[in-house]
Amino acid sequence: MRIRMLALASTALITALALTGCGQNDNPGMSEMDQGSSHSSPSPSEADADFNAADEMFVTMMIPHHQQAIEMADLILGKDGIDERVVALAQQIKDAQGPEIETMQGWLQEWGLPSPDTSAGGMHGMDHGGGMMSEEDMTAMATATGVEATRLFLQGMIEHHNGAITMAEAELDGGQNPNSLKLAQQVIDGQRAEVVTMQEMLNSL
């Protein structure tokens, strides 16, 4: 183990020396990362690709989380006799989260990371964390009708949203990618408001 660490350290030192040799200028004491060096400032695309483990976790978990929210919305949109307010909310959730999935998939591609499995089996891998619905929950919602379907949807989506808010708060605490942080704040602001709305709807049933 010690030999391996020494070898890695030597490789890093050689690489650093090579980069220094290539980037020498009239100010040899200036770091290549110095913001005052015009050629060392990252381009916008490079800045967007700057991410850490928290960003990766947030995006790879939020994609299947959003996907299930859309499936829940589709279930309620496909039923008759649903409160018009709930139908409008389900469509709002679908319209908002669909484009966000595409955006996050684009980030993973830029970061050189694979997109998560959003199939039913892949979402099972989340162990129902983050407010994810179980297969039994989804089946119950699919077979329910009228007020019962509405109640199951609202109860499930409130829990689902609260899970997303918790995930987004963790991203704000530990993430570094500016786009990912911005989306996390949007999730918190938007879904908190929707939770309040859904709770009012649930209380009125």
C-alpha atoms as a PDB file:
ATOM      1  CA  MET A   1       0.000   0.000   0.000  1.00  0.00           C
ATOM      2  CA  ARG A   2       2.862   2.410   0.899  1.00  0.00           C
ATOM      3  CA  ILE A   3       4.600   1.628  -2.420  1.00  0.00           C
ATOM      4  CA  ARG A   4       1.406   2.319  -4.315  1.00  0.00           C
ATOM      5  CA  MET A   5       0.917   5.666  -2.527  1.00  0.00           C
ATOM      6  CA  LEU A   6       4.495   6.679  -3.254  1.00  0.00           C
ATOM      7  CA  ALA A   7       4.043   5.757  -6.881  1.00  0.00           C
ATOM      8  CA  LEU A   8       0.881   7.837  -7.133  1.00  0.00           C
ATOM      9  CA  ALA A   9       2.570  10.773  -5.420  1.00  0.00           C
ATOM     10  CA  SER A  10       5.534  10.544  -7.802  1.00  0.00           C
ATOM     11  CA  THR A  11       3.218  10.458 -10.798  1.00  0.00           C
ATOM     12  CA  ALA A  12       1.328  13.525  -9.536  1.00  0.00           C
ATOM     13  CA  LEU A  13       4.633  15.372  -8.963  1.00  0.00           C
ATOM     14  CA  ILE A  14       5.914  14.549 -12.442  1.00  0.00           C
ATOM     15  CA  THR A  15       2.625  15.698 -13.971  1.00  0.00           C
ATOM     16  CA  ALA A  16       2.703  18.939 -12.003  1.00  0.00           C
ATOM     17  CA  LEU A  17       6.281  19.645 -13.056  1.00  0.00           C
ATOM     18  CA  ALA A  18       5.424  18.939 -16.678  1.00  0.00           C
ATOM     19  CA  LEU A  19       2.463  21.316 -16.570  1.00  0.00           C
ATOM     20  CA  THR A  20       4.604  23.994 -14.925  1.00  0.00           C
ATOM     21  CA  GLY A  21       7.199  23.644 -17.644  1.00  0.00           C
ATOM     22  CA  CYS A  22       4.557  24.043 -20.343  1.00  0.00           C
ATOM     23  CA  GLY A  23       2.965  27.049 -18.677  1.00  0.00           C
ATOM     24  CA  GLN A  24       6.030  29.094 -17.683  1.00  0.00           C
ATOM     25  CA  ASN A  25       5.818  32.829 -18.302  1.00  0.00           C
ATOM     26  CA  ASP A  26       7.521  35.982 -17.148  1.00  0.00           C
ATOM     27  CA  ASN A  27       6.177  35.372 -13.653  1.00  0.00           C
ATOM     28  CA  PRO A  28       7.449  31.895 -12.742  1.00  0.00           C
ATOM     29  CA  GLY A  29       6.128  32.184  -9.181  1.00  0.00           C
ATOM     30  CA  MET A  30       2.566  32.649 -10.397  1.00  0.00           C
ATOM     31  CA  SER A  31       0.350  29.557 -10.212  1.00  0.00           C
ATOM     32  CA  GLU A  32      -1.335  28.304 -13.369  1.00  0.00           C
ATOM     33  CA  MET A  33      -4.615  28.628 -11.471  1.00  0.00           C
ATOM     34  CA  ASP A  34      -3.978  32.324 -10.761  1.00  0.00           C
ATOM     35  CA  GLN A  35      -7.112  34.229 -11.744  1.00  0.00           C
ATOM     36  CA  GLY A  36      -4.922  37.034 -12.992  1.00  0.00           C
ATOM     37  CA  SER A  37      -3.565  34.835 -15.766  1.00  0.00           C
ATOM     38  CA  SER A  38      -5.834  35.394 -18.756  1.00  0.00           C
ATOM     39  CA  HIS A  39      -5.122  32.009 -20.356  1.00  0.00           C
ATOM     40  CA  SER A  40      -5.844  30.012 -17.188  1.00  0.00           C
ATOM     41  CA  SER A  41      -9.423  31.179 -16.554  1.00  0.00           C
ATOM     42  CA  PRO A  42     -11.876  28.360 -17.230  1.00  0.00           C
ATOM     43  CA  SER A  43     -14.321  28.774 -20.070  1.00  0.00           C
ATOM     44  CA  PRO A  44     -18.045  28.755 -19.226  1.00  0.00           C
ATOM     45  CA  SER A  45     -18.328  25.132 -20.366  1.00  0.00           C
ATOM     46  CA  GLU A  46     -15.431  24.114 -18.113  1.00  0.00           C
ATOM     47  CA  ALA A  47     -17.010  25.932 -15.181  1.00  0.00           C
ATOM     48  CA  ASP A  48     -20.314  24.150 -15.794  1.00  0.00           C
ATOM     49  CA  ALA A  49     -18.483  20.825 -15.765  1.00  0.00           C
ATOM     50  CA  ASP A  50     -17.016  21.530 -12.322  1.00  0.00           C
ATOM     51  CA  PHE A  51     -18.798  19.185  -9.920  1.00  0.00           C
ATOM     52  CA  ASN A  52     -18.230  17.137  -6.799  1.00  0.00           C
ATOM     53  CA  ALA A  53     -19.668  13.984  -5.236  1.00  0.00           C
ATOM     54  CA  ALA A  54     -22.624  15.858  -3.754  1.00  0.00           C
ATOM     55  CA  ASP A  55     -23.566  17.244  -7.184  1.00  0.00           C
ATOM     56  CA  GLU A  56     -23.297  13.789  -8.725  1.00  0.00           C
ATOM     57  CA  MET A  57     -25.456  12.208  -6.020  1.00  0.00           C
ATOM     58  CA  PHE A  58     -28.086  14.924  -6.238  1.00  0.00           C
ATOM     59  CA  VAL A  59     -28.461  14.662 -10.002  1.00  0.00           C
ATOM     60  CA  THR A  60     -28.332  10.874 -10.260  1.00  0.00           C
ATOM     61  CA  MET A  61     -30.940  10.507  -7.505  1.00  0.00           C
ATOM     62  CA  MET A  62     -33.183  13.355  -8.635  1.00  0.00           C
ATOM     63  CA  ILE A  63     -33.587  12.003 -12.183  1.00  0.00           C
ATOM     64  CA  PRO A  64     -35.420   8.791 -11.161  1.00  0.00           C
ATOM     65  CA  HIS A  65     -37.173  10.737  -8.395  1.00  0.00           C
ATOM     66  CA  HIS A  66     -38.575  13.160 -10.982  1.00  0.00           C
ATOM     67  CA  GLN A  67     -39.393  10.268 -13.296  1.00  0.00           C
ATOM     68  CA  GLN A  68     -41.589   8.634 -10.676  1.00  0.00           C
ATOM     69  CA  ALA A  69     -43.354  11.945  -9.991  1.00  0.00           C
ATOM     70  CA  ILE A  70     -44.233  12.097 -13.682  1.00  0.00           C
ATOM     71  CA  GLU A  71     -45.539   8.524 -13.567  1.00  0.00           C
ATOM     72  CA  MET A  72     -47.687   9.449 -10.565  1.00  0.00           C
ATOM     73  CA  ALA A  73     -48.994  12.478 -12.455  1.00  0.00           C
ATOM     74  CA  ASP A  74     -49.758  10.365 -15.531  1.00  0.00           C
ATOM     75  CA  LEU A  75     -51.762   7.942 -13.388  1.00  0.00           C
ATOM     76  CA  ILE A  76     -54.004  10.678 -12.035  1.00  0.00           C
ATOM     77  CA  LEU A  77     -54.281  12.421 -15.425  1.00  0.00           C
ATOM     78  CA  GLY A  78     -55.540   9.188 -16.958  1.00  0.00           C
ATOM     79  CA  LYS A  79     -58.489   8.878 -14.569  1.00  0.00           C
ATOM     80  CA  ASP A  80     -62.006  10.239 -14.708  1.00  0.00           C
ATOM     81  CA  GLY A  81     -63.753  11.978 -11.830  1.00  0.00           C
ATOM     82  CA  ILE A  82     -60.632  13.667 -10.403  1.00  0.00           C
ATOM     83  CA  ASP A  83     -60.853  17.125  -8.829  1.00  0.00           C
ATOM     84  CA  GLU A  84     -59.931  19.704 -11.463  1.00  0.00           C
ATOM     85  CA  ARG A  85     -57.494  21.360  -9.060  1.00  0.00           C
ATOM     86  CA  VAL A  86     -55.612  18.082  -8.679  1.00  0.00           C
ATOM     87  CA  VAL A  87     -55.611  17.493 -12.432  1.00  0.00           C
ATOM     88  CA  ALA A  88     -54.102  20.947 -12.978  1.00  0.00           C
ATOM     89  CA  LEU A  89     -51.469  20.328 -10.313  1.00  0.00           C
ATOM     90  CA  ALA A  90     -50.538  16.944 -11.788  1.00  0.00           C
ATOM     91  CA  GLN A  91     -50.063  18.564 -15.196  1.00  0.00           C
ATOM     92  CA  GLN A  92     -47.995  21.346 -13.620  1.00  0.00           C
ATOM     93  CA  ILE A  93     -45.703  18.794 -11.960  1.00  0.00           C
ATOM     94  CA  LYS A  94     -45.294  16.874 -15.208  1.00  0.00           C
ATOM     95  CA  ASP A  95     -44.565  20.008 -17.250  1.00  0.00           C
ATOM     96  CA  ALA A  96     -41.941  21.213 -14.755  1.00  0.00           C
ATOM     97  CA  GLN A  97     -40.099  17.993 -14.024  1.00  0.00           C
ATOM     98  CA  GLY A  98     -39.900  16.575 -17.553  1.00  0.00           C
ATOM     99  CA  PRO A  99     -37.582  19.334 -18.831  1.00  0.00           C
ATOM    100  CA  GLU A 100     -35.568  19.183 -15.590  1.00  0.00           C
ATOM    101  CA  ILE A 101     -34.867  15.493 -16.232  1.00  0.00           C
ATOM    102  CA  GLU A 102     -33.529  16.340 -19.694  1.00  0.00           C
ATOM    103  CA  THR A 103     -31.392  19.122 -18.242  1.00  0.00           C
ATOM    104  CA  MET A 104     -29.884  16.875 -15.578  1.00  0.00           C
ATOM    105  CA  GLN A 105     -29.212  14.116 -18.104  1.00  0.00           C
ATOM    106  CA  GLY A 106     -27.323  16.712 -20.149  1.00  0.00           C
ATOM    107  CA  TRP A 107     -25.197  17.605 -17.124  1.00  0.00           C
ATOM    108  CA  LEU A 108     -24.271  13.973 -16.550  1.00  0.00           C
ATOM    109  CA  GLN A 109     -23.224  13.712 -20.177  1.00  0.00           C
ATOM    110  CA  GLU A 110     -21.063  16.829 -19.814  1.00  0.00           C
ATOM    111  CA  TRP A 111     -19.551  15.380 -16.639  1.00  0.00           C
ATOM    112  CA  GLY A 112     -18.758  12.071 -18.357  1.00  0.00           C
ATOM    113  CA  LEU A 113     -21.159  10.139 -16.117  1.00  0.00           C
ATOM    114  CA  PRO A 114     -23.873   7.635 -17.099  1.00  0.00           C
ATOM    115  CA  SER A 115     -27.540   8.454 -16.653  1.00  0.00           C
ATOM    116  CA  PRO A 116     -29.275   6.438 -13.922  1.00  0.00           C
ATOM    117  CA  ASP A 117     -31.677   3.630 -14.719  1.00  0.00           C
ATOM    118  CA  THR A 118     -35.167   5.157 -14.588  1.00  0.00           C
ATOM    119  CA  SER A 119     -36.977   1.880 -15.226  1.00  0.00           C
ATOM    120  CA  ALA A 120     -39.149   0.447 -12.458  1.00  0.00           C
ATOM    121  CA  GLY A 121     -36.351  -1.919 -11.512  1.00  0.00           C
ATOM    122  CA  GLY A 122     -33.796   0.867 -11.433  1.00  0.00           C
ATOM    123  CA  MET A 123     -35.947   3.056  -9.210  1.00  0.00           C
ATOM    124  CA  HIS A 124     -36.361   0.127  -6.853  1.00  0.00           C
ATOM    125  CA  GLY A 125     -32.653   0.522  -6.169  1.00  0.00           C
ATOM    126  CA  MET A 126     -33.394   3.715  -4.233  1.00  0.00           C
ATOM    127  CA  ASP A 127     -35.005   1.533  -1.500  1.00  0.00           C
ATOM    128  CA  HIS A 128     -37.953   3.934  -1.421  1.00  0.00           C
ATOM    129  CA  GLY A 129     -35.744   6.641   0.059  1.00  0.00           C
ATOM    130  CA  GLY A 130     -36.393  10.297  -0.622  1.00  0.00           C
ATOM    131  CA  GLY A 131     -40.152   9.767  -0.445  1.00  0.00           C
ATOM    132  CA  MET A 132     -40.142   7.297  -3.343  1.00  0.00           C
ATOM    133  CA  MET A 133     -43.345   5.284  -3.764  1.00  0.00           C
ATOM    134  CA  SER A 134     -43.156   1.512  -3.480  1.00  0.00           C
ATOM    135  CA  GLU A 135     -44.467  -0.781  -6.200  1.00  0.00           C
ATOM    136  CA  GLU A 136     -47.435  -1.535  -3.959  1.00  0.00           C
ATOM    137  CA  ASP A 137     -48.135   2.194  -3.532  1.00  0.00           C
ATOM    138  CA  MET A 138     -48.086   2.733  -7.286  1.00  0.00           C
ATOM    139  CA  THR A 139     -50.388  -0.243  -7.854  1.00  0.00           C
ATOM    140  CA  ALA A 140     -52.858   1.033  -5.269  1.00  0.00           C
ATOM    141  CA  MET A 141     -52.919   4.435  -6.945  1.00  0.00           C
ATOM    142  CA  ALA A 142     -53.349   2.865 -10.367  1.00  0.00           C
ATOM    143  CA  THR A 143     -56.377   0.813  -9.317  1.00  0.00           C
ATOM    144  CA  ALA A 144     -58.092   3.466  -7.168  1.00  0.00           C
ATOM    145  CA  THR A 145     -60.789   5.729  -8.539  1.00  0.00           C
ATOM    146  CA  GLY A 146     -62.421   9.051  -7.711  1.00  0.00           C
ATOM    147  CA  VAL A 147     -61.795  10.570  -4.297  1.00  0.00           C
ATOM    148  CA  GLU A 148     -59.699   7.607  -3.143  1.00  0.00           C
ATOM    149  CA  ALA A 149     -57.344   7.985  -6.118  1.00  0.00           C
ATOM    150  CA  THR A 150     -57.131  11.711  -5.424  1.00  0.00           C
ATOM    151  CA  ARG A 151     -56.308  11.102  -1.760  1.00  0.00           C
ATOM    152  CA  LEU A 152     -53.616   8.535  -2.563  1.00  0.00           C
ATOM    153  CA  PHE A 153     -52.061  10.852  -5.133  1.00  0.00           C
ATOM    154  CA  LEU A 154     -51.948  13.844  -2.785  1.00  0.00           C
ATOM    155  CA  GLN A 155     -50.624  11.852   0.163  1.00  0.00           C
ATOM    156  CA  GLY A 156     -47.993  10.162  -1.995  1.00  0.00           C
ATOM    157  CA  MET A 157     -46.907  13.348  -3.761  1.00  0.00           C
ATOM    158  CA  ILE A 158     -46.603  15.292  -0.509  1.00  0.00           C
ATOM    159  CA  GLU A 159     -44.219  12.640   0.812  1.00  0.00           C
ATOM    160  CA  HIS A 160     -42.461  12.543  -2.563  1.00  0.00           C
ATOM    161  CA  HIS A 161     -41.981  16.315  -2.599  1.00  0.00           C
ATOM    162  CA  ASN A 162     -40.717  16.372   0.977  1.00  0.00           C
ATOM    163  CA  GLY A 163     -38.127  13.781  -0.006  1.00  0.00           C
ATOM    164  CA  ALA A 164     -37.017  15.912  -2.943  1.00  0.00           C
ATOM    165  CA  ILE A 165     -36.724  18.965  -0.682  1.00  0.00           C
ATOM    166  CA  THR A 166     -34.471  17.030   1.692  1.00  0.00           C
ATOM    167  CA  MET A 167     -32.277  15.924  -1.222  1.00  0.00           C
ATOM    168  CA  ALA A 168     -32.082  19.496  -2.513  1.00  0.00           C
ATOM    169  CA  GLU A 169     -31.133  20.833   0.918  1.00  0.00           C
ATOM    170  CA  ALA A 170     -28.280  18.311   1.057  1.00  0.00           C
ATOM    171  CA  GLU A 171     -27.108  19.572  -2.331  1.00  0.00           C
ATOM    172  CA  LEU A 172     -27.086  23.176  -1.099  1.00  0.00           C
ATOM    173  CA  ASP A 173     -25.025  22.077   1.895  1.00  0.00           C
ATOM    174  CA  GLY A 174     -22.410  20.078  -0.015  1.00  0.00           C
ATOM    175  CA  GLY A 175     -22.613  20.776  -3.743  1.00  0.00           C
ATOM    176  CA  GLN A 176     -20.433  23.096  -5.796  1.00  0.00           C
ATOM    177  CA  ASN A 177     -21.752  23.095  -9.367  1.00  0.00           C
ATOM    178  CA  PRO A 178     -23.570  26.421  -9.875  1.00  0.00           C
ATOM    179  CA  ASN A 179     -26.239  24.968 -12.168  1.00  0.00           C
ATOM    180  CA  SER A 180     -26.945  22.067  -9.821  1.00  0.00           C
ATOM    181  CA  LEU A 181     -27.142  24.414  -6.835  1.00  0.00           C
ATOM    182  CA  LYS A 182     -29.549  26.662  -8.711  1.00  0.00           C
ATOM    183  CA  LEU A 183     -31.802  23.714  -9.549  1.00  0.00           C
ATOM    184  CA  ALA A 184     -31.716  22.554  -5.930  1.00  0.00           C
ATOM    185  CA  GLN A 185     -32.982  25.941  -4.782  1.00  0.00           C
ATOM    186  CA  GLN A 186     -35.700  25.857  -7.431  1.00  0.00           C
ATOM    187  CA  VAL A 187     -36.795  22.425  -6.207  1.00  0.00           C
ATOM    188  CA  ILE A 188     -36.991  23.680  -2.631  1.00  0.00           C
ATOM    189  CA  ASP A 189     -38.941  26.824  -3.500  1.00  0.00           C
ATOM    190  CA  GLY A 190     -41.318  25.219  -5.993  1.00  0.00           C
ATOM    191  CA  GLN A 191     -42.064  22.000  -4.188  1.00  0.00           C
ATOM    192  CA  ARG A 192     -42.532  23.611  -0.777  1.00  0.00           C
ATOM    193  CA  ALA A 193     -45.246  25.771  -2.324  1.00  0.00           C
ATOM    194  CA  GLU A 194     -46.842  22.735  -3.957  1.00  0.00           C
ATOM    195  CA  VAL A 195     -46.793  20.824  -0.654  1.00  0.00           C
ATOM    196  CA  VAL A 196     -48.799  23.630   0.965  1.00  0.00           C
ATOM    197  CA  THR A 197     -51.271  23.548  -1.927  1.00  0.00           C
ATOM    198  CA  MET A 198     -51.621  19.774  -1.833  1.00  0.00           C
ATOM    199  CA  GLN A 199     -52.139  19.743   1.927  1.00  0.00           C
ATOM    200  CA  GLU A 200     -54.972  22.266   1.522  1.00  0.00           C
ATOM    201  CA  MET A 201     -56.522  20.085  -1.195  1.00  0.00           C
ATOM    202  CA  LEU A 202     -56.192  16.984   0.967  1.00  0.00           C
ATOM    203  CA  ASN A 203     -57.855  18.715   3.899  1.00  0.00           C
ATOM    204  CA  SER A 204     -60.781  19.713   1.693  1.00  0.00           C
ATOM    205  CA  LEU A 205     -61.587  16.173   0.499  1.00  0.00           C
END
